[in-house]
Amino acid sequence: MQTQVFDLGRRPPFLDVLPVYMWAFIVVIVAEGIGSISIPLGSAKVVLLPMIWALIVGAVIGCLSYRSTSFLSLTKSRQIRASHILQPALLIFIAKLGLVVGSSLPTVIQAGWALVFQELGHFVGTVLLGMPVALLLGIKREAIGATFSVGREPSLAIIGEKYGMNSPEGRGVLAEYLTGTLFGALFIAIVAGVIASLNIFDPRSLAMASGVGSGSMMAAAAGAIAAQVDAKTGETVMALAAASNLITTTFGTYFTLFISLPLAVWAYRVFEPVLGRRFKFNNSTNEKENLDNKTVLDAYEESAEHNSGLTWHEKILAWSVTSVFAMLANWMAFGKFSESVVIGCVLLMVLSLLGDMVNTLTRKKIPAVCWVSILAMYASSPWCPWATQITTYAASVNILAVITPMLTYAGLSIAKDLPAFRRLGWRIVVVSFVANFGTFIGAAFIAEIFH
């Protein structure tokens, strides 16, 4: 007997999901209508792209209508549904990235050891920057869970297996997960944009640093970097970011388990007696702490079962609607709408469907994003007989136009997690931001050295 994922009441599923798509349509129009806004910060600048406006506007709408009961309100069940729709939208984006990588294989291969060794920076950088800040703020063992990685689903599994989710380490990784879910894409986009504007690093090094293991965060960071370079370099940025993210997704679990987690434990044992003396922190698992942990864990469990939350009909609907939104964003932002754009979006849908089908046939032992990436890379690689035509159609759809609807769904689903987020406390949130900054800047440094 299967557990019902959504509380739909007597309303037909399509009518329940219709408000999500209606709001998403409005958000895409508003975000693309605002366009890109550059804010100077001395010698640096912050570039707020439409994808960032999509996150912000979507979150505001979700917060304002969260407790409403009208037909158009984004109730908790609808926000959960929006988080499920995010996964098919992510696969559309991954398919586009895979096509970029396949047609740019010589550039990816040329990156060589820089692409391989920057992976160390992703997981070591979180500890080197995050751990001292956590200890100075008075955080104890929670610091291990919050700083050994960027806290995506594999990290939750590792900490849950080793320490248990009701442990201090469990609270730390849950805080990192929730902070990244709510603000990760917005934060990393601003950081990546500011660093790119300083011209300290080669854009290719920053591109490799963008592959942090989260599709939405990688999209936000790479998009912010690509927006500040010429079109050809922008394609290279996206290709390297995609390759880096694929490595992080496939091998990241082993890096976190055998390198960054032992490093975080060692750093805590060495530096806590020194840096942690100034503060007293109640580390007992009292009732309030258990409530906090349960609240955050419930939020994760409601939002993490992406694939199991949608039927195949619902996935096809999500791919279709998201493709329409991408075409709309492509037209509004870049003035391009043609038969090639339509064929390009259909191609992305087909690759997403095939990758998801292979994922299901292989019992989901390998993430769907990996299968979609592999199929898309082959489709645009020199080994595919139709590579030239496929690459031409895919190029008609700008990758930034694909990111906007994807992050729209993320914005519309944020409000459901805010009650749990408020319980975490500001210190652990600061640590989470520092850890996210550390994973980006650490990988950028290593990539720059080996580039």
Protein backbone atom coordinates (compact mmCIF):
# COMPACT_ATOMS: atom_id res chain seq x y z
CA MET A 1 0.00 0.00 0.00
CA GLN A 2 1.49 3.29 -1.07
CA THR A 3 1.47 6.36 1.12
CA GLN A 4 -0.35 9.34 -0.38
CA VAL A 5 2.19 12.10 -0.92
CA PHE A 6 -0.20 15.01 -1.28
CA ASP A 7 -3.28 15.97 0.65
CA LEU A 8 -5.50 16.71 -2.34
CA GLY A 9 -8.87 16.31 -0.68
CA ARG A 10 -11.65 15.86 -3.26
CA ARG A 11 -10.13 18.23 -5.78
CA PRO A 12 -8.85 16.56 -9.01
CA PRO A 13 -5.05 16.54 -9.17
CA PHE A 14 -4.93 18.79 -12.24
CA LEU A 15 -7.06 21.47 -10.58
CA ASP A 16 -4.83 21.32 -7.52
CA VAL A 17 -1.64 21.81 -9.53
CA LEU A 18 -3.15 24.44 -11.86
CA PRO A 19 -2.50 27.36 -9.43
CA VAL A 20 1.18 26.37 -9.25
CA TYR A 21 1.56 26.66 -13.01
CA MET A 22 -0.54 29.83 -13.15
CA TRP A 23 1.67 31.54 -10.57
CA ALA A 24 4.79 30.18 -12.27
CA PHE A 25 3.63 31.74 -15.56
CA ILE A 26 3.16 35.11 -13.84
CA VAL A 27 6.52 34.89 -12.07
CA VAL A 28 8.39 34.11 -15.30
CA ILE A 29 6.80 37.12 -17.01
CA VAL A 30 7.58 39.42 -14.07
CA ALA A 31 11.16 38.13 -13.70
CA GLU A 32 11.97 38.46 -17.40
CA GLY A 33 10.18 41.82 -17.48
CA ILE A 34 12.47 43.14 -14.75
CA GLY A 35 15.49 41.80 -16.60
CA SER A 36 19.09 42.07 -15.42
CA ILE A 37 20.01 44.78 -12.93
CA SER A 38 23.65 45.56 -12.10
CA ILE A 39 24.45 47.01 -8.68
CA PRO A 40 27.99 48.44 -8.33
CA LEU A 41 29.89 47.63 -5.14
CA GLY A 42 33.16 49.54 -5.42
CA SER A 43 35.34 47.65 -7.86
CA ALA A 44 32.89 44.74 -7.86
CA LYS A 45 29.26 44.47 -8.83
CA VAL A 46 26.21 42.34 -8.16
CA VAL A 47 24.22 41.30 -11.22
CA LEU A 48 20.64 40.32 -10.42
CA LEU A 49 19.48 38.18 -13.33
CA PRO A 50 15.86 37.18 -14.09
CA MET A 51 16.47 33.81 -12.42
CA ILE A 52 17.15 35.64 -9.13
CA TRP A 53 13.99 37.71 -9.50
CA ALA A 54 12.11 34.46 -10.17
CA LEU A 55 13.34 33.07 -6.85
CA ILE A 56 12.49 36.23 -4.93
CA VAL A 57 9.09 36.92 -6.50
CA GLY A 58 8.09 33.28 -6.20
CA ALA A 59 9.06 33.22 -2.53
CA VAL A 60 7.08 36.41 -1.82
CA ILE A 61 3.96 34.99 -3.50
CA GLY A 62 4.34 31.75 -1.57
CA CYS A 63 4.68 33.56 1.76
CA LEU A 64 1.69 35.84 1.12
CA SER A 65 -0.68 33.03 0.11
CA TYR A 66 0.65 30.23 2.31
CA ARG A 67 -2.24 30.25 4.80
CA SER A 68 -4.97 31.25 2.39
CA THR A 69 -7.66 28.76 1.34
CA SER A 70 -8.69 30.30 -1.98
CA PHE A 71 -8.39 28.46 -5.29
CA LEU A 72 -5.23 30.37 -6.27
CA SER A 73 -3.49 30.16 -2.90
CA LEU A 74 -0.21 28.29 -2.60
CA THR A 75 -1.06 26.04 0.32
CA LYS A 76 1.46 23.73 1.91
CA SER A 77 0.39 20.79 -0.28
CA ARG A 78 0.76 22.92 -3.41
CA GLN A 79 4.17 24.16 -2.35
CA ILE A 80 5.21 20.54 -1.82
CA ARG A 81 3.92 19.84 -5.31
CA ALA A 82 5.95 22.78 -6.65
CA SER A 83 9.07 21.26 -5.08
CA HIS A 84 8.27 17.98 -6.86
CA ILE A 85 7.80 19.77 -10.18
CA LEU A 86 11.24 21.27 -9.67
CA GLN A 87 12.85 17.89 -10.43
CA PRO A 88 11.49 17.52 -14.00
CA ALA A 89 12.39 21.17 -14.58
CA LEU A 90 15.90 20.42 -13.33
CA LEU A 91 16.21 17.56 -15.83
CA ILE A 92 15.31 19.96 -18.66
CA PHE A 93 18.18 22.16 -17.51
CA ILE A 94 20.54 19.18 -17.17
CA ALA A 95 19.65 18.09 -20.70
CA LYS A 96 20.55 21.54 -22.01
CA LEU A 97 23.83 21.45 -20.09
CA GLY A 98 24.63 17.97 -21.39
CA LEU A 99 24.18 19.15 -24.95
CA VAL A 100 26.54 22.04 -24.27
CA VAL A 101 29.12 19.68 -22.77
CA GLY A 102 28.88 17.21 -25.66
CA SER A 103 29.55 19.91 -28.22
CA SER A 104 32.37 21.32 -26.07
CA LEU A 105 34.16 18.06 -25.22
CA PRO A 106 37.56 19.33 -26.43
CA THR A 107 37.30 22.26 -24.00
CA VAL A 108 36.28 19.97 -21.14
CA ILE A 109 39.10 17.52 -21.90
CA GLN A 110 41.56 20.40 -22.13
CA ALA A 111 40.67 21.41 -18.57
CA GLY A 112 42.31 18.15 -17.51
CA TRP A 113 43.62 17.99 -13.97
CA ALA A 114 42.06 21.32 -13.04
CA LEU A 115 38.62 19.75 -13.40
CA VAL A 116 39.64 16.73 -11.36
CA PHE A 117 41.48 18.38 -8.48
CA GLN A 118 39.06 21.27 -8.01
CA GLU A 119 36.74 18.65 -6.54
CA LEU A 120 38.92 18.66 -3.43
CA GLY A 121 38.25 22.36 -3.04
CA HIS A 122 34.51 21.77 -2.98
CA PHE A 123 34.72 19.62 0.10
CA VAL A 124 37.82 20.90 1.86
CA GLY A 125 36.88 24.57 1.49
CA THR A 126 33.71 24.10 3.52
CA VAL A 127 35.73 22.88 6.50
CA LEU A 128 38.62 25.35 6.26
CA LEU A 129 36.32 28.38 6.33
CA GLY A 130 33.19 27.07 8.00
CA MET A 131 34.67 25.29 11.00
CA PRO A 132 36.57 28.28 12.52
CA VAL A 133 33.52 30.52 12.11
CA ALA A 134 31.26 27.91 13.71
CA LEU A 135 33.57 27.51 16.71
CA LEU A 136 33.97 31.27 17.15
CA LEU A 137 30.18 31.58 17.21
CA GLY A 138 30.01 29.02 20.01
CA ILE A 139 28.63 26.09 18.01
CA LYS A 140 29.82 22.70 19.17
CA ARG A 141 29.42 19.31 17.47
CA GLU A 142 26.73 20.72 15.16
CA ALA A 143 29.67 22.35 13.37
CA ILE A 144 30.80 18.96 12.02
CA GLY A 145 27.51 18.32 10.23
CA ALA A 146 27.20 21.91 9.04
CA THR A 147 30.69 22.29 7.56
CA PHE A 148 31.82 18.96 6.09
CA SER A 149 29.83 19.58 2.87
CA VAL A 150 27.15 21.76 1.31
CA GLY A 151 24.57 19.48 2.90
CA ARG A 152 22.72 17.90 0.00
CA GLU A 153 20.84 14.58 0.17
CA PRO A 154 23.95 12.29 0.12
CA SER A 155 25.40 14.25 3.04
CA LEU A 156 22.21 13.72 5.04
CA ALA A 157 22.47 10.00 4.37
CA ILE A 158 26.12 9.88 5.49
CA ILE A 159 25.50 11.72 8.76
CA GLY A 160 22.29 9.78 9.42
CA GLU A 161 24.14 6.50 9.02
CA LYS A 162 27.15 7.48 11.13
CA TYR A 163 25.65 9.65 13.88
CA GLY A 164 21.85 9.54 13.55
CA MET A 165 19.67 12.50 12.65
CA ASN A 166 18.84 13.29 16.30
CA SER A 167 22.51 13.87 17.07
CA PRO A 168 24.21 17.30 17.16
CA GLU A 169 25.89 16.38 13.87
CA GLY A 170 22.45 15.57 12.47
CA ARG A 171 21.11 18.98 13.52
CA GLY A 172 24.08 20.61 11.83
CA VAL A 173 23.67 18.89 8.46
CA LEU A 174 19.90 19.46 8.52
CA ALA A 175 20.48 23.16 9.12
CA GLU A 176 22.92 23.23 6.21
CA TYR A 177 20.42 21.40 4.01
CA LEU A 178 17.53 23.70 4.81
CA THR A 179 19.58 26.88 4.47
CA GLY A 180 20.84 25.72 1.09
CA THR A 181 17.32 24.78 -0.01
CA LEU A 182 15.92 28.17 0.91
CA PHE A 183 18.74 30.55 0.07
CA GLY A 184 21.55 28.53 -1.54
CA ALA A 185 20.86 29.50 -5.15
CA LEU A 186 20.38 33.19 -4.33
CA PHE A 187 23.48 33.31 -2.13
CA ILE A 188 25.82 31.49 -4.50
CA ALA A 189 24.62 33.54 -7.48
CA ILE A 190 25.49 36.78 -5.71
CA VAL A 191 28.85 35.42 -4.53
CA ALA A 192 29.77 34.06 -7.97
CA GLY A 193 28.71 37.28 -9.67
CA VAL A 194 30.69 39.51 -7.34
CA ILE A 195 33.86 37.37 -7.59
CA ALA A 196 33.55 37.19 -11.37
CA SER A 197 33.29 40.98 -11.59
CA LEU A 198 36.61 41.36 -9.73
CA ASN A 199 38.49 39.59 -12.56
CA ILE A 200 40.73 37.80 -10.05
CA PHE A 201 40.00 34.31 -11.36
CA ASP A 202 39.78 32.96 -14.87
CA PRO A 203 36.05 32.49 -15.73
CA ARG A 204 36.82 28.83 -16.45
CA SER A 205 38.08 28.33 -12.89
CA LEU A 206 34.91 29.92 -11.51
CA ALA A 207 32.85 27.73 -13.83
CA MET A 208 34.40 24.57 -12.41
CA ALA A 209 33.83 25.92 -8.91
CA SER A 210 30.12 26.28 -9.69
CA GLY A 211 29.59 22.51 -9.77
CA VAL A 212 28.81 22.17 -6.08
CA GLY A 213 26.52 19.15 -6.47
CA SER A 214 23.22 21.03 -6.46
CA GLY A 215 21.54 21.62 -9.80
CA SER A 216 19.82 24.86 -8.80
CA MET A 217 22.92 26.29 -7.10
CA MET A 218 25.14 25.33 -10.02
CA ALA A 219 22.70 26.93 -12.45
CA ALA A 220 22.57 30.14 -10.42
CA ALA A 221 26.35 30.42 -10.05
CA ALA A 222 27.24 29.51 -13.63
CA GLY A 223 24.52 31.78 -14.97
CA ALA A 224 25.83 34.73 -12.96
CA ILE A 225 29.34 34.12 -14.32
CA ALA A 226 28.25 33.56 -17.92
CA ALA A 227 26.27 36.81 -17.87
CA GLN A 228 29.51 38.77 -17.39
CA VAL A 229 31.52 37.29 -20.26
CA ASP A 230 31.10 37.06 -24.03
CA ALA A 231 28.80 34.48 -25.59
CA LYS A 232 31.55 32.02 -26.56
CA THR A 233 33.16 32.12 -23.12
CA GLY A 234 29.69 31.80 -21.62
CA GLU A 235 29.21 28.49 -23.43
CA THR A 236 32.56 27.30 -22.06
CA VAL A 237 31.52 28.37 -18.55
CA MET A 238 28.33 26.34 -18.78
CA ALA A 239 30.12 23.30 -20.18
CA LEU A 240 32.75 23.24 -17.44
CA ALA A 241 30.16 23.89 -14.73
CA ALA A 242 28.10 20.97 -15.99
CA ALA A 243 31.12 18.64 -16.12
CA SER A 244 32.15 19.69 -12.63
CA ASN A 245 28.65 19.19 -11.26
CA LEU A 246 28.44 15.74 -12.83
CA ILE A 247 31.71 14.74 -11.12
CA THR A 248 30.45 16.13 -7.81
CA THR A 249 27.14 14.30 -8.16
CA THR A 250 28.69 10.94 -9.02
CA PHE A 251 31.84 10.92 -6.88
CA GLY A 252 30.96 13.53 -4.28
CA THR A 253 29.64 10.96 -1.81
CA TYR A 254 33.05 9.28 -1.66
CA PHE A 255 34.85 12.60 -1.23
CA THR A 256 32.59 13.60 1.66
CA LEU A 257 32.75 10.19 3.32
CA PHE A 258 36.49 9.56 3.11
CA ILE A 259 38.02 13.06 2.95
CA SER A 260 35.88 15.98 4.12
CA LEU A 261 34.03 14.30 7.01
CA PRO A 262 37.25 12.93 8.63
CA LEU A 263 38.81 16.36 8.06
CA ALA A 264 35.86 18.07 9.78
CA VAL A 265 36.08 15.71 12.76
CA TRP A 266 39.83 16.29 13.04
CA ALA A 267 39.45 20.07 12.73
CA TYR A 268 36.80 20.10 15.45
CA ARG A 269 38.98 18.11 17.86
CA VAL A 270 42.01 20.32 17.24
CA PHE A 271 40.45 23.79 17.12
CA GLU A 272 37.45 23.53 19.44
CA PRO A 273 39.56 23.66 22.64
CA VAL A 274 41.14 26.87 21.33
CA LEU A 275 38.41 28.70 19.46
CA GLY A 276 35.47 27.39 21.47
CA ARG A 277 36.63 28.64 24.89
CA ARG A 278 34.94 32.01 24.62
CA PHE A 279 31.40 30.64 24.48
CA LYS A 280 29.21 28.27 26.39
CA PHE A 281 26.80 26.26 24.32
CA ASN A 282 24.19 23.85 25.64
CA ASN A 283 24.82 20.70 23.65
CA SER A 284 22.25 18.53 25.40
CA THR A 285 19.43 17.04 23.36
CA ASN A 286 16.64 18.70 25.33
CA GLU A 287 13.01 18.81 24.29
CA LYS A 288 13.33 22.02 22.29
CA GLU A 289 16.33 20.69 20.35
CA ASN A 290 14.48 17.47 19.56
CA LEU A 291 11.50 19.48 18.37
CA ASP A 292 13.77 21.58 16.18
CA ASN A 293 15.36 18.51 14.68
CA LYS A 294 12.03 16.80 14.05
CA THR A 295 10.60 19.89 12.40
CA VAL A 296 13.53 20.21 10.04
CA LEU A 297 13.59 16.48 9.31
CA ASP A 298 9.87 16.56 8.48
CA ALA A 299 10.50 19.44 6.09
CA TYR A 300 13.22 17.42 4.38
CA GLU A 301 11.13 14.27 4.10
CA GLU A 302 8.23 16.21 2.56
CA SER A 303 10.39 17.84 -0.10
CA ALA A 304 13.08 15.27 -0.89
CA GLU A 305 11.06 12.50 -2.61
CA HIS A 306 11.07 14.29 -5.96
CA ASN A 307 10.62 11.42 -8.38
CA SER A 308 8.22 9.39 -6.24
CA GLY A 309 5.93 12.39 -5.86
CA LEU A 310 4.88 12.62 -9.53
CA THR A 311 3.28 10.11 -11.86
CA TRP A 312 4.53 9.81 -15.42
CA HIS A 313 1.56 11.85 -16.65
CA GLU A 314 2.43 14.59 -14.17
CA LYS A 315 6.08 14.52 -15.19
CA ILE A 316 5.20 14.88 -18.87
CA LEU A 317 2.92 17.79 -17.99
CA ALA A 318 5.73 19.38 -15.97
CA TRP A 319 8.21 18.98 -18.83
CA SER A 320 5.71 20.39 -21.32
CA VAL A 321 4.74 23.43 -19.26
CA THR A 322 8.35 24.14 -18.28
CA SER A 323 9.37 24.03 -21.93
CA VAL A 324 6.66 26.55 -22.78
CA PHE A 325 7.93 28.81 -19.99
CA ALA A 326 11.48 28.43 -21.33
CA MET A 327 10.28 29.48 -24.80
CA LEU A 328 8.53 32.47 -23.25
CA ALA A 329 11.66 33.48 -21.33
CA ASN A 330 13.79 32.94 -24.46
CA TRP A 331 11.52 35.31 -26.40
CA MET A 332 11.29 37.98 -23.70
CA ALA A 333 14.99 38.03 -22.83
CA PHE A 334 16.63 37.35 -26.19
CA GLY A 335 13.92 38.10 -28.75
CA LYS A 336 14.11 34.61 -30.24
CA PHE A 337 11.10 32.47 -31.03
CA SER A 338 11.12 30.22 -34.06
CA GLU A 339 10.61 26.67 -35.23
CA SER A 340 14.17 25.90 -34.09
CA VAL A 341 13.37 27.07 -30.57
CA VAL A 342 10.31 24.79 -30.41
CA ILE A 343 12.28 21.81 -31.74
CA GLY A 344 15.09 22.58 -29.29
CA CYS A 345 12.70 22.52 -26.34
CA VAL A 346 11.06 19.30 -27.55
CA LEU A 347 14.54 17.80 -27.80
CA LEU A 348 15.22 18.74 -24.16
CA MET A 349 11.94 17.11 -23.14
CA VAL A 350 12.75 13.89 -24.99
CA LEU A 351 16.22 13.65 -23.42
CA SER A 352 14.74 14.27 -19.96
CA LEU A 353 12.10 11.58 -20.51
CA LEU A 354 14.63 9.03 -21.79
CA GLY A 355 17.03 9.72 -18.92
CA ASP A 356 14.26 9.37 -16.36
CA MET A 357 13.08 6.12 -17.98
CA VAL A 358 16.59 4.65 -17.83
CA ASN A 359 16.78 5.74 -14.19
CA THR A 360 13.57 3.84 -13.47
CA LEU A 361 14.62 0.74 -15.43
CA THR A 362 17.90 0.58 -13.48
CA ARG A 363 15.98 0.83 -10.19
CA LYS A 364 17.27 4.33 -9.51
CA LYS A 365 20.73 3.13 -8.51
CA ILE A 366 22.24 6.04 -10.42
CA PRO A 367 20.58 9.50 -10.25
CA ALA A 368 18.43 10.52 -13.21
CA VAL A 369 20.55 13.66 -13.69
CA CYS A 370 23.51 11.42 -14.57
CA TRP A 371 21.57 9.49 -17.20
CA VAL A 372 20.16 12.66 -18.73
CA SER A 373 23.66 14.17 -18.81
CA ILE A 374 25.15 11.10 -20.49
CA LEU A 375 22.42 10.87 -23.14
CA ALA A 376 22.59 14.59 -23.88
CA MET A 377 26.38 14.60 -24.10
CA TYR A 378 26.29 11.71 -26.56
CA ALA A 379 23.57 13.41 -28.64
CA SER A 380 25.79 16.45 -29.30
CA SER A 381 29.15 14.63 -29.37
CA PRO A 382 31.11 13.80 -32.53
CA TRP A 383 30.06 10.13 -32.16
CA CYS A 384 26.38 10.90 -32.76
CA PRO A 385 25.45 11.02 -36.50
CA TRP A 386 22.86 13.78 -35.88
CA ALA A 387 25.10 15.88 -33.62
CA THR A 388 25.25 18.89 -35.95
CA GLN A 389 21.48 19.24 -36.28
CA ILE A 390 20.90 18.59 -32.58
CA THR A 391 23.50 21.16 -31.56
CA THR A 392 21.95 23.75 -33.90
CA TYR A 393 18.47 23.28 -32.46
CA ALA A 394 19.74 23.25 -28.88
CA ALA A 395 21.73 26.45 -29.44
CA SER A 396 18.52 28.32 -30.30
CA VAL A 397 17.39 28.00 -26.68
CA ASN A 398 19.51 30.13 -24.37
CA ILE A 399 20.47 28.34 -21.19
CA LEU A 400 19.47 31.30 -19.00
CA ALA A 401 15.93 30.99 -20.37
CA VAL A 402 15.84 27.40 -19.08
CA ILE A 403 17.10 28.40 -15.62
CA THR A 404 14.38 31.00 -14.95
CA PRO A 405 11.37 28.62 -14.86
CA MET A 406 13.39 26.05 -12.90
CA LEU A 407 14.18 28.53 -10.11
CA THR A 408 10.60 29.81 -10.27
CA TYR A 409 9.38 26.47 -8.90
CA ALA A 410 12.07 26.65 -6.22
CA GLY A 411 10.84 30.10 -5.18
CA LEU A 412 7.20 29.03 -5.08
CA SER A 413 8.05 26.14 -2.72
CA ILE A 414 10.16 28.07 -0.20
CA ALA A 415 7.50 29.27 2.25
CA LYS A 416 6.64 25.74 3.43
CA ASP A 417 10.12 25.42 4.95
CA LEU A 418 10.22 28.77 6.75
CA PRO A 419 8.69 27.53 10.06
CA ALA A 420 11.48 24.97 10.41
CA PHE A 421 14.07 27.49 9.27
CA ARG A 422 13.10 29.99 12.00
CA ARG A 423 13.91 27.38 14.65
CA LEU A 424 17.52 26.90 13.57
CA GLY A 425 19.00 30.11 14.96
CA TRP A 426 21.09 32.71 13.18
CA ARG A 427 24.49 31.26 14.08
CA ILE A 428 24.05 28.00 12.21
CA VAL A 429 22.72 29.95 9.22
CA VAL A 430 25.85 32.13 9.14
CA VAL A 431 27.98 28.99 9.26
CA SER A 432 26.01 27.51 6.38
CA PHE A 433 26.62 30.58 4.24
CA VAL A 434 30.33 30.53 5.06
CA ALA A 435 30.51 26.82 4.18
CA ASN A 436 28.82 27.48 0.84
CA PHE A 437 31.25 30.31 0.17
CA GLY A 438 34.12 28.02 1.16
CA THR A 439 33.15 25.26 -1.27
CA PHE A 440 33.02 27.77 -4.13
CA ILE A 441 36.18 29.74 -3.41
CA GLY A 442 38.16 26.62 -2.45
CA ALA A 443 37.39 24.92 -5.75
CA ALA A 444 38.13 28.15 -7.65
CA PHE A 445 41.58 28.42 -6.04
CA ILE A 446 42.52 24.83 -6.88
CA ALA A 447 41.16 25.08 -10.42
CA GLU A 448 43.16 28.28 -10.93
CA ILE A 449 46.36 26.58 -9.76
CA PHE A 450 45.99 23.59 -12.08
CA HIS A 451 44.51 25.51 -14.99
